[in-house]
């Protein structure tokens, strides 16, 4: 992976992207994420959805790697920071979505308050 990251950084350098505006790069990232969304939500619009998904995810990764390069950060370090944050995270799947333990507590508290209010007003 480091070899690919280096190739992408070199590619970006050779095109002057290192000095480009990171805000513009962010807009490119959101465009590429939109392509992922399009394939996931409407795969039948694509002749080869799997190939389109690989392309969209790859393009998204490239745009993120270029942003990291523009900001003088290290991709591996960014991933390491994120992993350290999630590695001990607890939670559970709720309707097909992973919900963090602390968010579950917030939901349970909100549901409890709603149920108490419903009981009082006869909902």
PDB file of N, CA and C in Angstrom:
ATOM      1  N   UNK A   1       0.830  -1.201   0.000  1.00  0.00           N
ATOM      2  CA  UNK A   1       0.000   0.000   0.000  1.00  0.00           C
ATOM      3  C   UNK A   1       0.869   1.257   0.000  1.00  0.00           C
ATOM      4  N   UNK A   2       1.956   1.242   0.771  1.00  0.00           N
ATOM      5  CA  UNK A   2       2.826   2.420   0.805  1.00  0.00           C
ATOM      6  C   UNK A   2       3.387   2.748  -0.572  1.00  0.00           C
ATOM      7  N   UNK A   3       3.669   1.723  -1.368  1.00  0.00           N
ATOM      8  CA  UNK A   3       4.176   1.944  -2.715  1.00  0.00           C
ATOM      9  C   UNK A   3       3.133   2.681  -3.567  1.00  0.00           C
ATOM     10  N   UNK A   4       1.872   2.274  -3.455  1.00  0.00           N
ATOM     11  CA  UNK A   4       0.807   2.957  -4.194  1.00  0.00           C
ATOM     12  C   UNK A   4       0.627   4.395  -3.713  1.00  0.00           C
ATOM     13  N   UNK A   5       0.684   4.593  -2.416  1.00  0.00           N
ATOM     14  CA  UNK A   5       0.559   5.953  -1.870  1.00  0.00           C
ATOM     15  C   UNK A   5       1.681   6.830  -2.408  1.00  0.00           C
ATOM     16  N   UNK A   6       2.901   6.314  -2.420  1.00  0.00           N
ATOM     17  CA  UNK A   6       4.031   7.075  -2.963  1.00  0.00           C
ATOM     18  C   UNK A   6       3.825   7.401  -4.435  1.00  0.00           C
ATOM     19  N   UNK A   7       3.312   6.452  -5.202  1.00  0.00           N
ATOM     20  CA  UNK A   7       3.043   6.696  -6.626  1.00  0.00           C
ATOM     21  C   UNK A   7       1.991   7.787  -6.804  1.00  0.00           C
ATOM     22  N   UNK A   8       0.949   7.742  -5.978  1.00  0.00           N
ATOM     23  CA  UNK A   8      -0.107   8.756  -6.057  1.00  0.00           C
ATOM     24  C   UNK A   8       0.441  10.122  -5.673  1.00  0.00           C
ATOM     25  N   UNK A   9       1.254  10.190  -4.623  1.00  0.00           N
ATOM     26  CA  UNK A   9       1.861  11.465  -4.222  1.00  0.00           C
ATOM     27  C   UNK A   9       2.758  12.015  -5.321  1.00  0.00           C
ATOM     28  N   UNK A  10       3.536  11.147  -5.960  1.00  0.00           N
ATOM     29  CA  UNK A  10       4.403  11.571  -7.067  1.00  0.00           C
ATOM     30  C   UNK A  10       3.548  12.078  -8.231  1.00  0.00           C
ATOM     31  N   UNK A  11       2.487  11.352  -8.539  1.00  0.00           N
ATOM     32  CA  UNK A  11       1.561  11.763  -9.599  1.00  0.00           C
ATOM     33  C   UNK A  11       0.991  13.153  -9.286  1.00  0.00           C
ATOM     34  N   UNK A  12       0.573  13.364  -8.031  1.00  0.00           N
ATOM     35  CA  UNK A  12       0.017  14.657  -7.615  1.00  0.00           C
ATOM     36  C   UNK A  12       1.069  15.757  -7.714  1.00  0.00           C
ATOM     37  N   UNK A  13       2.294  15.462  -7.277  1.00  0.00           N
ATOM     38  CA  UNK A  13       3.383  16.444  -7.355  1.00  0.00           C
ATOM     39  C   UNK A  13       3.647  16.855  -8.797  1.00  0.00           C
ATOM     40  N   UNK A  14       3.660  15.884  -9.695  1.00  0.00           N
ATOM     41  CA  UNK A  14       3.991  16.170 -11.097  1.00  0.00           C
ATOM     42  C   UNK A  14       2.909  16.994 -11.781  1.00  0.00           C
ATOM     43  N   UNK A  15       1.749  17.093 -11.173  1.00  0.00           N
ATOM     44  CA  UNK A  15       0.647  17.877 -11.735  1.00  0.00           C
ATOM     45  C   UNK A  15       0.354  19.142 -10.927  1.00  0.00           C
ATOM     46  N   UNK A  16       1.208  19.442  -9.964  1.00  0.00           N
ATOM     47  CA  UNK A  16       1.045  20.658  -9.173  1.00  0.00           C
ATOM     48  C   UNK A  16      -0.065  20.586  -8.138  1.00  0.00           C
ATOM     49  N   UNK A  17      -0.576  19.396  -7.874  1.00  0.00           N
ATOM     50  CA  UNK A  17      -1.684  19.273  -6.929  1.00  0.00           C
ATOM     51  C   UNK A  17      -1.264  19.476  -5.477  1.00  0.00           C
ATOM     52  N   UNK A  18       0.007  19.281  -5.175  1.00  0.00           N
ATOM     53  CA  UNK A  18       0.495  19.467  -3.800  1.00  0.00           C
ATOM     54  C   UNK A  18       0.240  20.899  -3.337  1.00  0.00           C
ATOM     55  N   UNK A  19       0.368  21.847  -4.270  1.00  0.00           N
ATOM     56  CA  UNK A  19       0.190  23.262  -3.917  1.00  0.00           C
ATOM     57  C   UNK A  19      -1.240  23.749  -4.147  1.00  0.00           C
ATOM     58  N   UNK A  20      -2.115  22.874  -4.599  1.00  0.00           N
ATOM     59  CA  UNK A  20      -3.497  23.281  -4.876  1.00  0.00           C
ATOM     60  C   UNK A  20      -4.267  23.496  -3.569  1.00  0.00           C
ATOM     61  N   UNK A  21      -5.421  24.098  -3.697  1.00  0.00           N
ATOM     62  CA  UNK A  21      -6.266  24.425  -2.548  1.00  0.00           C
ATOM     63  C   UNK A  21      -6.926  23.160  -1.982  1.00  0.00           C
ATOM     64  N   UNK A  22      -6.656  22.836  -0.720  1.00  0.00           N
ATOM     65  CA  UNK A  22      -7.273  21.649  -0.110  1.00  0.00           C
ATOM     66  C   UNK A  22      -8.805  21.698  -0.110  1.00  0.00           C
ATOM     67  N   UNK A  23      -9.380  22.897  -0.096  1.00  0.00           N
ATOM     68  CA  UNK A  23     -10.847  23.002  -0.127  1.00  0.00           C
ATOM     69  C   UNK A  23     -11.392  22.493  -1.458  1.00  0.00           C
ATOM     70  N   UNK A  24     -10.668  22.778  -2.536  1.00  0.00           N
ATOM     71  CA  UNK A  24     -11.062  22.268  -3.853  1.00  0.00           C
ATOM     72  C   UNK A  24     -10.912  20.747  -3.867  1.00  0.00           C
ATOM     73  N   UNK A  25      -9.837  20.257  -3.263  1.00  0.00           N
ATOM     74  CA  UNK A  25      -9.633  18.806  -3.193  1.00  0.00           C
ATOM     75  C   UNK A  25     -10.767  18.158  -2.409  1.00  0.00           C
ATOM     76  N   UNK A  26     -11.213  18.817  -1.351  1.00  0.00           N
ATOM     77  CA  UNK A  26     -12.336  18.289  -0.575  1.00  0.00           C
ATOM     78  C   UNK A  26     -13.578  18.151  -1.463  1.00  0.00           C
ATOM     79  N   UNK A  27     -13.806  19.131  -2.330  1.00  0.00           N
ATOM     80  CA  UNK A  27     -14.954  19.056  -3.234  1.00  0.00           C
ATOM     81  C   UNK A  27     -14.819  17.859  -4.176  1.00  0.00           C
ATOM     82  N   UNK A  28     -13.614  17.576  -4.607  1.00  0.00           N
ATOM     83  CA  UNK A  28     -13.390  16.395  -5.463  1.00  0.00           C
ATOM     84  C   UNK A  28     -13.703  15.106  -4.700  1.00  0.00           C
ATOM     85  N   UNK A  29     -13.321  15.077  -3.433  1.00  0.00           N
ATOM     86  CA  UNK A  29     -13.618  13.896  -2.606  1.00  0.00           C
ATOM     87  C   UNK A  29     -15.128  13.681  -2.540  1.00  0.00           C
ATOM     88  N   UNK A  30     -15.875  14.745  -2.292  1.00  0.00           N
ATOM     89  CA  UNK A  30     -17.327  14.592  -2.176  1.00  0.00           C
ATOM     90  C   UNK A  30     -17.950  14.150  -3.498  1.00  0.00           C
ATOM     91  N   UNK A  31     -17.383  14.600  -4.624  1.00  0.00           N
ATOM     92  CA  UNK A  31     -17.869  14.134  -5.932  1.00  0.00           C
ATOM     93  C   UNK A  31     -17.667  12.629  -6.067  1.00  0.00           C
ATOM     94  N   UNK A  32     -16.493  12.161  -5.676  1.00  0.00           N
ATOM     95  CA  UNK A  32     -16.189  10.730  -5.800  1.00  0.00           C
ATOM     96  C   UNK A  32     -17.040   9.900  -4.844  1.00  0.00           C
ATOM     97  N   UNK A  33     -17.268  10.403  -3.645  1.00  0.00           N
ATOM     98  CA  UNK A  33     -18.147   9.703  -2.702  1.00  0.00           C
ATOM     99  C   UNK A  33     -19.562   9.631  -3.283  1.00  0.00           C
ATOM    100  N   UNK A  34     -19.961  10.680  -3.976  1.00  0.00           N
ATOM    101  CA  UNK A  34     -21.262  10.672  -4.654  1.00  0.00           C
ATOM    102  C   UNK A  34     -21.355   9.572  -5.699  1.00  0.00           C
ATOM    103  N   UNK A  35     -20.248   9.286  -6.362  1.00  0.00           N
ATOM    104  CA  UNK A  35     -20.241   8.197  -7.339  1.00  0.00           C
ATOM    105  C   UNK A  35     -20.428   6.846  -6.643  1.00  0.00           C
ATOM    106  N   UNK A  36     -19.826   6.686  -5.473  1.00  0.00           N
ATOM    107  CA  UNK A  36     -20.038   5.453  -4.698  1.00  0.00           C
ATOM    108  C   UNK A  36     -21.521   5.332  -4.360  1.00  0.00           C
ATOM    109  N   UNK A  37     -22.088   6.425  -3.885  1.00  0.00           N
ATOM    110  CA  UNK A  37     -23.516   6.455  -3.540  1.00  0.00           C
ATOM    111  C   UNK A  37     -24.371   6.039  -4.737  1.00  0.00           C
ATOM    112  N   UNK A  38     -24.061   6.601  -5.903  1.00  0.00           N
ATOM    113  CA  UNK A  38     -24.847   6.295  -7.099  1.00  0.00           C
ATOM    114  C   UNK A  38     -24.845   4.806  -7.413  1.00  0.00           C
ATOM    115  N   UNK A  39     -23.674   4.189  -7.336  1.00  0.00           N
ATOM    116  CA  UNK A  39     -23.581   2.756  -7.650  1.00  0.00           C
ATOM    117  C   UNK A  39     -24.311   1.926  -6.598  1.00  0.00           C
ATOM    118  N   UNK A  40     -24.153   2.285  -5.333  1.00  0.00           N
ATOM    119  CA  UNK A  40     -24.800   1.511  -4.270  1.00  0.00           C
ATOM    120  C   UNK A  40     -26.322   1.629  -4.307  1.00  0.00           C
ATOM    121  N   UNK A  41     -26.814   2.823  -4.599  1.00  0.00           N
ATOM    122  CA  UNK A  41     -28.260   3.035  -4.561  1.00  0.00           C
ATOM    123  C   UNK A  41     -28.967   2.614  -5.844  1.00  0.00           C
ATOM    124  N   UNK A  42     -28.249   2.680  -6.976  1.00  0.00           N
ATOM    125  CA  UNK A  42     -28.883   2.325  -8.254  1.00  0.00           C
ATOM    126  C   UNK A  42     -27.948   1.475  -9.105  1.00  0.00           C
ATOM    127  N   UNK A  43     -27.606   0.290  -8.617  1.00  0.00           N
ATOM    128  CA  UNK A  43     -26.652  -0.553  -9.352  1.00  0.00           C
ATOM    129  C   UNK A  43     -27.134  -0.953 -10.741  1.00  0.00           C
ATOM    130  N   UNK A  44     -28.446  -0.998 -10.953  1.00  0.00           N
ATOM    131  CA  UNK A  44     -28.962  -1.411 -12.262  1.00  0.00           C
ATOM    132  C   UNK A  44     -28.690  -0.377 -13.351  1.00  0.00           C
ATOM    133  N   UNK A  45     -28.314   0.836 -12.972  1.00  0.00           N
ATOM    134  CA  UNK A  45     -27.966   1.864 -13.961  1.00  0.00           C
ATOM    135  C   UNK A  45     -26.573   1.650 -14.547  1.00  0.00           C
ATOM    136  N   UNK A  46     -25.836   0.698 -14.001  1.00  0.00           N
ATOM    137  CA  UNK A  46     -24.462   0.457 -14.427  1.00  0.00           C
ATOM    138  C   UNK A  46     -24.369  -0.903 -15.106  1.00  0.00           C
ATOM    139  N   UNK A  47     -23.660  -0.934 -16.237  1.00  0.00           N
ATOM    140  CA  UNK A  47     -23.466  -2.187 -16.961  1.00  0.00           C
ATOM    141  C   UNK A  47     -22.745  -3.197 -16.085  1.00  0.00           C
ATOM    142  N   UNK A  48     -21.710  -2.727 -15.400  1.00  0.00           N
ATOM    143  CA  UNK A  48     -20.937  -3.579 -14.493  1.00  0.00           C
ATOM    144  C   UNK A  48     -20.816  -2.875 -13.142  1.00  0.00           C
ATOM    145  N   UNK A  49     -21.814  -3.034 -12.278  1.00  0.00           N
ATOM    146  CA  UNK A  49     -21.809  -2.321 -10.996  1.00  0.00           C
ATOM    147  C   UNK A  49     -20.572  -2.580 -10.143  1.00  0.00           C
ATOM    148  N   UNK A  50     -20.092  -3.816 -10.135  1.00  0.00           N
ATOM    149  CA  UNK A  50     -18.918  -4.142  -9.314  1.00  0.00           C
ATOM    150  C   UNK A  50     -17.696  -3.365  -9.802  1.00  0.00           C
ATOM    151  N   UNK A  51     -17.509  -3.300 -11.117  1.00  0.00           N
ATOM    152  CA  UNK A  51     -16.384  -2.551 -11.688  1.00  0.00           C
ATOM    153  C   UNK A  51     -16.549  -1.060 -11.413  1.00  0.00           C
ATOM    154  N   UNK A  52     -17.785  -0.558 -11.529  1.00  0.00           N
ATOM    155  CA  UNK A  52     -18.050   0.859 -11.261  1.00  0.00           C
ATOM    156  C   UNK A  52     -17.779   1.190  -9.798  1.00  0.00           C
ATOM    157  N   UNK A  53     -18.129   0.268  -8.913  1.00  0.00           N
ATOM    158  CA  UNK A  53     -17.894   0.476  -7.483  1.00  0.00           C
ATOM    159  C   UNK A  53     -16.402   0.495  -7.169  1.00  0.00           C
ATOM    160  N   UNK A  54     -15.655  -0.438  -7.749  1.00  0.00           N
ATOM    161  CA  UNK A  54     -14.198  -0.456  -7.549  1.00  0.00           C
ATOM    162  C   UNK A  54     -13.577   0.846  -8.033  1.00  0.00           C
ATOM    163  N   UNK A  55     -14.019   1.320  -9.199  1.00  0.00           N
ATOM    164  CA  UNK A  55     -13.490   2.566  -9.758  1.00  0.00           C
ATOM    165  C   UNK A  55     -13.817   3.750  -8.848  1.00  0.00           C
ATOM    166  N   UNK A  56     -15.058   3.833  -8.387  1.00  0.00           N
ATOM    167  CA  UNK A  56     -15.475   4.950  -7.538  1.00  0.00           C
ATOM    168  C   UNK A  56     -14.752   4.939  -6.194  1.00  0.00           C
ATOM    169  N   UNK A  57     -14.602   3.760  -5.605  1.00  0.00           N
ATOM    170  CA  UNK A  57     -13.878   3.664  -4.331  1.00  0.00           C
ATOM    171  C   UNK A  57     -12.408   4.004  -4.545  1.00  0.00           C
ATOM    172  N   UNK A  58     -11.820   3.494  -5.608  1.00  0.00           N
ATOM    173  CA  UNK A  58     -10.422   3.807  -5.913  1.00  0.00           C
ATOM    174  C   UNK A  58     -10.215   5.296  -6.122  1.00  0.00           C
ATOM    175  N   UNK A  59     -11.113   5.925  -6.894  1.00  0.00           N
ATOM    176  CA  UNK A  59     -11.014   7.372  -7.121  1.00  0.00           C
ATOM    177  C   UNK A  59     -11.141   8.143  -5.813  1.00  0.00           C
ATOM    178  N   UNK A  60     -12.031   7.684  -4.940  1.00  0.00           N
ATOM    179  CA  UNK A  60     -12.199   8.340  -3.641  1.00  0.00           C
ATOM    180  C   UNK A  60     -10.922   8.236  -2.818  1.00  0.00           C
ATOM    181  N   UNK A  61     -10.336   7.049  -2.795  1.00  0.00           N
ATOM    182  CA  UNK A  61      -9.082   6.870  -2.056  1.00  0.00           C
ATOM    183  C   UNK A  61      -7.980   7.769  -2.612  1.00  0.00           C
ATOM    184  N   UNK A  62      -7.880   7.857  -3.934  1.00  0.00           N
ATOM    185  CA  UNK A  62      -6.858   8.721  -4.547  1.00  0.00           C
ATOM    186  C   UNK A  62      -7.071  10.166  -4.116  1.00  0.00           C
ATOM    187  N   UNK A  63      -8.308  10.652  -4.166  1.00  0.00           N
ATOM    188  CA  UNK A  63      -8.551  12.052  -3.804  1.00  0.00           C
ATOM    189  C   UNK A  63      -8.255  12.305  -2.329  1.00  0.00           C
ATOM    190  N   UNK A  64      -8.521  11.327  -1.478  1.00  0.00           N
ATOM    191  CA  UNK A  64      -8.197  11.475  -0.052  1.00  0.00           C
ATOM    192  C   UNK A  64      -6.684  11.471   0.153  1.00  0.00           C
ATOM    193  N   UNK A  65      -5.984  10.578  -0.529  1.00  0.00           N
ATOM    194  CA  UNK A  65      -4.518  10.527  -0.413  1.00  0.00           C
ATOM    195  C   UNK A  65      -3.905  11.845  -0.869  1.00  0.00           C
ATOM    196  N   UNK A  66      -4.428  12.423  -1.944  1.00  0.00           N
ATOM    197  CA  UNK A  66      -3.917  13.716  -2.419  1.00  0.00           C
ATOM    198  C   UNK A  66      -4.190  14.800  -1.376  1.00  0.00           C
ATOM    199  N   UNK A  67      -5.370  14.807  -0.764  1.00  0.00           N
ATOM    200  CA  UNK A  67      -5.668  15.789   0.287  1.00  0.00           C
ATOM    201  C   UNK A  67      -4.696  15.647   1.451  1.00  0.00           C
ATOM    202  N   UNK A  68      -4.459  14.430   1.880  1.00  0.00           N
ATOM    203  CA  UNK A  68      -3.517  14.175   2.977  1.00  0.00           C
ATOM    204  C   UNK A  68      -2.140  14.727   2.610  1.00  0.00           C
ATOM    205  N   UNK A  69      -1.721  14.507   1.375  1.00  0.00           N
ATOM    206  CA  UNK A  69      -0.427  15.002   0.882  1.00  0.00           C
ATOM    207  C   UNK A  69      -0.398  16.536   0.894  1.00  0.00           C
ATOM    208  N   UNK A  70      -1.473  17.154   0.440  1.00  0.00           N
ATOM    209  CA  UNK A  70      -1.553  18.620   0.436  1.00  0.00           C
ATOM    210  C   UNK A  70      -1.422  19.186   1.850  1.00  0.00           C
ATOM    211  N   UNK A  71      -1.950  18.477   2.810  1.00  0.00           N
ATOM    212  CA  UNK A  71      -1.950  18.948   4.201  1.00  0.00           C
ATOM    213  C   UNK A  71      -0.698  18.531   4.972  1.00  0.00           C
ATOM    214  N   UNK A  72       0.260  17.924   4.254  1.00  0.00           N
ATOM    215  CA  UNK A  72       1.516  17.452   4.862  1.00  0.00           C
ATOM    216  C   UNK A  72       1.273  16.483   6.016  1.00  0.00           C
ATOM    217  N   UNK A  73       0.291  15.625   5.825  1.00  0.00           N
ATOM    218  CA  UNK A  73       0.016  14.575   6.794  1.00  0.00           C
ATOM    219  C   UNK A  73       0.462  13.249   6.200  1.00  0.00           C
ATOM    220  N   UNK A  74       0.402  12.197   6.993  1.00  0.00           N
ATOM    221  CA  UNK A  74       0.798  10.868   6.554  1.00  0.00           C
ATOM    222  C   UNK A  74      -0.424   9.954   6.608  1.00  0.00           C
ATOM    223  N   UNK A  75      -0.718   9.289   5.491  1.00  0.00           N
ATOM    224  CA  UNK A  75      -1.900   8.430   5.414  1.00  0.00           C
ATOM    225  C   UNK A  75      -1.869   7.353   6.492  1.00  0.00           C
ATOM    226  N   UNK A  76      -0.735   6.693   6.645  1.00  0.00           N
ATOM    227  CA  UNK A  76      -0.620   5.617   7.632  1.00  0.00           C
ATOM    228  C   UNK A  76      -0.852   6.145   9.039  1.00  0.00           C
ATOM    229  N   UNK A  77      -0.320   7.314   9.324  1.00  0.00           N
ATOM    230  CA  UNK A  77      -0.521   7.913  10.649  1.00  0.00           C
ATOM    231  C   UNK A  77      -1.993   8.256  10.867  1.00  0.00           C
ATOM    232  N   UNK A  78      -2.646   8.804   9.842  1.00  0.00           N
ATOM    233  CA  UNK A  78      -4.074   9.125   9.955  1.00  0.00           C
ATOM    234  C   UNK A  78      -4.893   7.863  10.222  1.00  0.00           C
ATOM    235  N   UNK A  79      -4.583   6.783   9.492  1.00  0.00           N
ATOM    236  CA  UNK A  79      -5.279   5.514   9.712  1.00  0.00           C
ATOM    237  C   UNK A  79      -5.010   4.973  11.107  1.00  0.00           C
ATOM    238  N   UNK A  80      -3.781   5.117  11.571  1.00  0.00           N
ATOM    239  CA  UNK A  80      -3.410   4.642  12.899  1.00  0.00           C
ATOM    240  C   UNK A  80      -4.179   5.397  13.979  1.00  0.00           C
ATOM    241  N   UNK A  81      -4.285   6.710  13.824  1.00  0.00           N
ATOM    242  CA  UNK A  81      -5.041   7.526  14.779  1.00  0.00           C
ATOM    243  C   UNK A  81      -6.502   7.065  14.808  1.00  0.00           C
ATOM    244  N   UNK A  82      -7.078   6.845  13.632  1.00  0.00           N
ATOM    245  CA  UNK A  82      -8.474   6.407  13.557  1.00  0.00           C
ATOM    246  C   UNK A  82      -8.649   5.023  14.178  1.00  0.00           C
ATOM    247  N   UNK A  83      -7.713   4.121  13.888  1.00  0.00           N
ATOM    248  CA  UNK A  83      -7.816   2.768  14.441  1.00  0.00           C
ATOM    249  C   UNK A  83      -7.728   2.793  15.965  1.00  0.00           C
ATOM    250  N   UNK A  84      -6.795   3.594  16.499  1.00  0.00           N
ATOM    251  CA  UNK A  84      -6.659   3.690  17.958  1.00  0.00           C
ATOM    252  C   UNK A  84      -7.964   4.171  18.589  1.00  0.00           C
ATOM    253  N   UNK A  85      -8.686   5.020  17.864  1.00  0.00           N
ATOM    254  CA  UNK A  85      -9.951   5.544  18.375  1.00  0.00           C
ATOM    255  C   UNK A  85     -11.054   4.479  18.370  1.00  0.00           C
ATOM    256  N   UNK A  86     -11.030   3.578  17.383  1.00  0.00           N
ATOM    257  CA  UNK A  86     -12.130   2.615  17.260  1.00  0.00           C
ATOM    258  C   UNK A  86     -11.835   1.223  17.794  1.00  0.00           C
ATOM    259  N   UNK A  87     -10.569   0.900  18.036  1.00  0.00           N
ATOM    260  CA  UNK A  87     -10.202  -0.496  18.303  1.00  0.00           C
ATOM    261  C   UNK A  87     -10.920  -1.117  19.499  1.00  0.00           C
ATOM    262  N   UNK A  88     -11.240  -0.346  20.494  1.00  0.00           N
ATOM    263  CA  UNK A  88     -11.928  -0.885  21.674  1.00  0.00           C
ATOM    264  C   UNK A  88     -13.388  -0.450  21.746  1.00  0.00           C
ATOM    265  N   UNK A  89     -13.868   0.120  20.648  1.00  0.00           N
ATOM    266  CA  UNK A  89     -15.237   0.635  20.632  1.00  0.00           C
ATOM    267  C   UNK A  89     -16.235  -0.507  20.774  1.00  0.00           C
ATOM    268  N   UNK A  90     -17.199  -0.283  21.628  1.00  0.00           N
ATOM    269  CA  UNK A  90     -18.261  -1.261  21.821  1.00  0.00           C
ATOM    270  C   UNK A  90     -19.557  -0.679  21.281  1.00  0.00           C
ATOM    271  N   UNK A  91     -20.450  -1.562  20.939  1.00  0.00           N
ATOM    272  CA  UNK A  91     -21.742  -1.158  20.413  1.00  0.00           C
ATOM    273  C   UNK A  91     -22.459  -2.372  19.888  1.00  0.00           C
ATOM    274  N   UNK A  92     -23.509  -2.122  19.132  1.00  0.00           N
ATOM    275  CA  UNK A  92     -24.225  -3.249  18.541  1.00  0.00           C
ATOM    276  C   UNK A  92     -24.902  -2.808  17.253  1.00  0.00           C
ATOM    277  N   UNK A  93     -25.279  -3.806  16.475  1.00  0.00           N
ATOM    278  CA  UNK A  93     -25.981  -3.548  15.233  1.00  0.00           C
ATOM    279  C   UNK A  93     -27.447  -3.266  15.545  1.00  0.00           C
ATOM    280  N   UNK A  94     -27.961  -2.166  15.001  1.00  0.00           N
ATOM    281  CA  UNK A  94     -29.365  -1.805  15.146  1.00  0.00           C
ATOM    282  C   UNK A  94     -29.890  -1.501  13.750  1.00  0.00           C
ATOM    283  N   UNK A  95     -30.817  -2.295  13.290  1.00  0.00           N
ATOM    284  CA  UNK A  95     -31.389  -2.122  11.947  1.00  0.00           C
ATOM    285  C   UNK A  95     -30.322  -2.015  10.864  1.00  0.00           C
ATOM    286  N   UNK A  96     -29.302  -2.865  10.960  1.00  0.00           N
ATOM    287  CA  UNK A  96     -28.266  -2.912   9.933  1.00  0.00           C
ATOM    288  C   UNK A  96     -27.189  -1.852  10.054  1.00  0.00           C
ATOM    289  N   UNK A  97     -27.177  -1.106  11.152  1.00  0.00           N
ATOM    290  CA  UNK A  97     -26.187  -0.053  11.364  1.00  0.00           C
ATOM    291  C   UNK A  97     -25.503  -0.263  12.704  1.00  0.00           C
ATOM    292  N   UNK A  98     -24.165  -0.131  12.732  1.00  0.00           N
ATOM    293  CA  UNK A  98     -23.436  -0.227  13.995  1.00  0.00           C
ATOM    294  C   UNK A  98     -23.655   1.055  14.782  1.00  0.00           C
ATOM    295  N   UNK A  99     -24.128   0.913  16.013  1.00  0.00           N
ATOM    296  CA  UNK A  99     -24.366   2.062  16.890  1.00  0.00           C
ATOM    297  C   UNK A  99     -23.413   1.945  18.068  1.00  0.00           C
ATOM    298  N   UNK A 100     -22.622   3.013  18.286  1.00  0.00           N
ATOM    299  CA  UNK A 100     -21.665   3.022  19.393  1.00  0.00           C
ATOM    300  C   UNK A 100     -22.411   2.921  20.723  1.00  0.00           C
ATOM    301  N   UNK A 101     -21.739   2.289  21.690  1.00  0.00           N
ATOM    302  CA  UNK A 101     -22.334   2.071  23.008  1.00  0.00           C
ATOM    303  C   UNK A 101     -22.839   3.377  23.623  1.00  0.00           C
ATOM    304  N   UNK A 102     -22.034   4.446  23.536  1.00  0.00           N
ATOM    305  CA  UNK A 102     -22.465   5.713  24.140  1.00  0.00           C
ATOM    306  C   UNK A 102     -23.686   6.289  23.433  1.00  0.00           C
ATOM    307  N   UNK A 103     -23.806   6.036  22.120  1.00  0.00           N
ATOM    308  CA  UNK A 103     -24.992   6.489  21.392  1.00  0.00           C
ATOM    309  C   UNK A 103     -26.210   5.645  21.754  1.00  0.00           C
ATOM    310  N   UNK A 104     -25.976   4.373  22.055  1.00  0.00           N
ATOM    311  CA  UNK A 104     -27.075   3.515  22.507  1.00  0.00           C
ATOM    312  C   UNK A 104     -27.652   4.048  23.811  1.00  0.00           C
ATOM    313  N   UNK A 105     -26.766   4.479  24.717  1.00  0.00           N
ATOM    314  CA  UNK A 105     -27.216   5.021  26.004  1.00  0.00           C
ATOM    315  C   UNK A 105     -28.042   6.285  25.789  1.00  0.00           C
ATOM    316  N   UNK A 106     -27.601   7.136  24.851  1.00  0.00           N
ATOM    317  CA  UNK A 106     -28.335   8.363  24.539  1.00  0.00           C
ATOM    318  C   UNK A 106     -29.708   8.021  23.972  1.00  0.00           C
ATOM    319  N   UNK A 107     -29.736   7.038  23.054  1.00  0.00           N
ATOM    320  CA  UNK A 107     -31.014   6.609  22.468  1.00  0.00           C
ATOM    321  C   UNK A 107     -31.948   6.053  23.535  1.00  0.00           C
ATOM    322  N   UNK A 108     -31.393   5.209  24.407  1.00  0.00           N
ATOM    323  CA  UNK A 108     -32.212   4.605  25.458  1.00  0.00           C
ATOM    324  C   UNK A 108     -32.766   5.672  26.394  1.00  0.00           C
ATOM    325  N   UNK A 109     -31.943   6.671  26.707  1.00  0.00           N
ATOM    326  CA  UNK A 109     -32.378   7.759  27.572  1.00  0.00           C
ATOM    327  C   UNK A 109     -33.482   8.570  26.891  1.00  0.00           C
ATOM    328  N   UNK A 110     -33.299   8.850  25.605  1.00  0.00           N
ATOM    329  CA  UNK A 110     -34.304   9.603  24.853  1.00  0.00           C
ATOM    330  C   UNK A 110     -35.602   8.811  24.756  1.00  0.00           C
ATOM    331  N   UNK A 111     -35.500   7.507  24.499  1.00  0.00           N
ATOM    332  CA  UNK A 111     -36.695   6.661  24.423  1.00  0.00           C
ATOM    333  C   UNK A 111     -37.401   6.590  25.766  1.00  0.00           C
ATOM    334  N   UNK A 112     -36.616   6.514  26.839  1.00  0.00           N
ATOM    335  CA  UNK A 112     -37.187   6.456  28.178  1.00  0.00           C
ATOM    336  C   UNK A 112     -37.942   7.746  28.485  1.00  0.00           C
ATOM    337  N   UNK A 113     -37.343   8.889  28.138  1.00  0.00           N
ATOM    338  CA  UNK A 113     -37.994  10.183  28.360  1.00  0.00           C
ATOM    339  C   UNK A 113     -39.265  10.288  27.537  1.00  0.00           C
ATOM    340  N   UNK A 114     -39.198   9.834  26.274  1.00  0.00           N
ATOM    341  CA  UNK A 114     -40.366   9.880  25.399  1.00  0.00           C
ATOM    342  C   UNK A 114     -41.482   8.998  25.957  1.00  0.00           C
ATOM    343  N   UNK A 115     -41.110   7.790  26.415  1.00  0.00           N
ATOM    344  CA  UNK A 115     -42.107   6.874  26.967  1.00  0.00           C
ATOM    345  C   UNK A 115     -42.740   7.440  28.232  1.00  0.00           C
ATOM    346  N   UNK A 116     -41.937   8.108  29.075  1.00  0.00           N
ATOM    347  CA  UNK A 116     -42.470   8.720  30.296  1.00  0.00           C
ATOM    348  C   UNK A 116     -43.436   9.840  29.944  1.00  0.00           C
ATOM    349  N   UNK A 117     -43.047  10.671  28.978  1.00  0.00           N
ATOM    350  CA  UNK A 117     -43.911  11.773  28.557  1.00  0.00           C
ATOM    351  C   UNK A 117     -45.190  11.235  27.929  1.00  0.00           C
ATOM    352  N   UNK A 118     -45.069  10.165  27.148  1.00  0.00           N
ATOM    353  CA  UNK A 118     -46.245   9.561  26.514  1.00  0.00           C
ATOM    354  C   UNK A 118     -47.214   9.039  27.563  1.00  0.00           C
ATOM    355  N   UNK A 119     -46.673   8.453  28.620  1.00  0.00           N
ATOM    356  CA  UNK A 119     -47.517   7.912  29.680  1.00  0.00           C
ATOM    357  C   UNK A 119     -48.261   9.036  30.393  1.00  0.00           C
ATOM    358  N   UNK A 120     -47.594  10.169  30.571  1.00  0.00           N
ATOM    359  CA  UNK A 120     -48.200  11.297  31.283  1.00  0.00           C
ATOM    360  C   UNK A 120     -49.319  11.921  30.456  1.00  0.00           C
ATOM    361  N   UNK A 121     -49.071  12.094  29.134  1.00  0.00           N
ATOM    362  CA  UNK A 121     -50.075  12.773  28.307  1.00  0.00           C
ATOM    363  C   UNK A 121     -51.031  11.795  27.626  1.00  0.00           C
ATOM    364  N   UNK A 122     -50.813  10.509  27.855  1.00  0.00           N
ATOM    365  CA  UNK A 122     -51.729   9.508  27.315  1.00  0.00           C
ATOM    366  C   UNK A 122     -51.532   9.211  25.848  1.00  0.00           C
ATOM    367  N   UNK A 123     -50.307   9.340  25.364  1.00  0.00           N
ATOM    368  CA  UNK A 123     -49.994   9.042  23.955  1.00  0.00           C
ATOM    369  C   UNK A 123     -50.128   7.587  23.642  1.00  0.00           C
TER     370      UNK A 123
END
